[in-house]
Amino acid sequence: EDVLAFRHFPKDHWRKIWSTNLLERVNEEIKRRTRVVGIFPNDASITRLVGAVLLEQHEHWQLEGRRMFSAESMATIPELGDTPSLQALSA
């Protein structure tokens, strides 16, 4: 049931749900930045760098206005209570 959970979303969302391109792009940027630094003095410095990369990416997406799904397509997603798997659990 968990493997097929994407089927509860509208068909036009399936391709984007399957794709890991955005995640891979962010991970590649984190790798690139950590290679530049080389050696980190402590764990907190790694956390700050990764946090800064993620914040920068978030701001970029906000300013660019990119949305993975449009507001109209998000409105077609069923409510949690309407999904068959949750109805079976509550019964």
Protein backbone atom coordinates (compact mmCIF):
# COMPACT_ATOMS: atom_id res chain seq x y z
CA GLU A 1 0.00 0.00 0.00
CA ASP A 2 2.81 2.47 0.83
CA VAL A 3 4.55 1.90 -2.49
CA LEU A 4 1.37 2.78 -4.36
CA ALA A 5 0.49 5.85 -2.26
CA PHE A 6 1.31 8.17 -5.18
CA ARG A 7 -1.80 6.84 -6.95
CA HIS A 8 -4.00 8.85 -4.58
CA PHE A 9 -2.65 12.01 -6.22
CA PRO A 10 -3.91 13.32 -9.58
CA LYS A 11 -2.29 11.62 -12.60
CA ASP A 12 -0.56 14.81 -13.73
CA HIS A 13 1.38 14.83 -10.42
CA TRP A 14 2.75 11.29 -10.74
CA ARG A 15 5.74 12.15 -12.92
CA LYS A 16 6.91 14.88 -10.55
CA ILE A 17 6.37 12.72 -7.48
CA TRP A 18 8.52 9.95 -9.01
CA SER A 19 11.31 12.34 -9.92
CA THR A 20 14.13 13.02 -7.47
CA ASN A 21 15.75 15.69 -9.65
CA LEU A 22 15.22 18.54 -7.19
CA LEU A 23 16.63 16.55 -4.30
CA GLU A 24 19.60 15.40 -6.35
CA ARG A 25 20.32 18.98 -7.41
CA VAL A 26 20.32 20.22 -3.80
CA ASN A 27 22.52 17.32 -2.66
CA GLU A 28 25.00 18.03 -5.47
CA GLU A 29 25.23 21.68 -4.40
CA ILE A 30 25.87 20.62 -0.78
CA LYS A 31 28.62 18.22 -1.96
CA ARG A 32 30.20 20.93 -4.08
CA ARG A 33 30.27 23.41 -1.20
CA THR A 34 31.63 20.91 1.33
CA ARG A 35 34.44 19.91 -1.08
CA VAL A 36 35.50 23.56 -1.27
CA VAL A 37 35.83 23.76 2.52
CA GLY A 38 37.54 20.40 2.80
CA ILE A 39 37.94 19.89 6.56
CA PHE A 40 35.38 21.08 9.08
CA PRO A 41 36.49 21.99 12.62
CA ASN A 42 33.30 20.55 14.23
CA ASP A 43 29.79 19.25 13.52
CA ALA A 44 28.21 22.66 14.10
CA SER A 45 30.17 24.13 11.18
CA ILE A 46 28.84 21.42 8.86
CA THR A 47 25.30 22.10 10.06
CA ARG A 48 25.72 25.84 9.42
CA LEU A 49 27.03 25.29 5.90
CA VAL A 50 24.28 22.83 4.93
CA GLY A 51 21.66 25.10 6.53
CA ALA A 52 22.99 28.07 4.56
CA VAL A 53 22.83 26.09 1.29
CA LEU A 54 19.26 25.00 2.02
CA LEU A 55 18.21 28.54 2.99
CA GLU A 56 19.79 29.92 -0.17
CA GLN A 57 17.96 27.35 -2.29
CA HIS A 58 14.66 28.11 -0.55
CA GLU A 59 15.07 31.84 -1.15
CA HIS A 60 15.96 31.19 -4.78
CA TRP A 61 12.79 29.15 -5.28
CA GLN A 62 10.68 31.79 -3.51
CA LEU A 63 12.06 34.70 -5.54
CA GLU A 64 11.90 32.81 -8.78
CA GLY A 65 8.29 31.88 -8.09
CA ARG A 66 8.85 28.26 -9.07
CA ARG A 67 6.21 25.85 -7.98
CA MET A 68 6.40 22.14 -8.44
CA PHE A 69 2.60 22.01 -8.61
CA SER A 70 0.15 24.76 -9.47
CA ALA A 71 -2.45 25.90 -6.93
CA GLU A 72 -5.18 24.54 -9.20
CA SER A 73 -3.63 21.08 -9.37
CA MET A 74 -3.07 21.04 -5.60
CA ALA A 75 -6.79 21.68 -5.11
CA THR A 76 -7.54 18.36 -6.83
CA ILE A 77 -5.64 16.33 -4.20
CA PRO A 78 -8.12 14.39 -2.01
CA GLU A 79 -8.38 15.12 1.70
CA LEU A 80 -6.55 12.71 4.00
CA GLY A 81 -9.80 11.23 5.26
CA ASP A 82 -10.86 10.45 1.69
CA THR A 83 -7.93 8.17 0.90
CA PRO A 84 -8.82 4.45 0.80
CA SER A 85 -5.85 3.35 2.94
CA LEU A 86 -6.83 5.67 5.80
CA GLN A 87 -10.47 4.63 5.59
CA ALA A 88 -9.41 1.00 5.98
CA LEU A 89 -7.30 1.83 9.02
CA SER A 90 -10.08 3.70 10.79
CA ALA A 91 -12.62 0.91 10.19
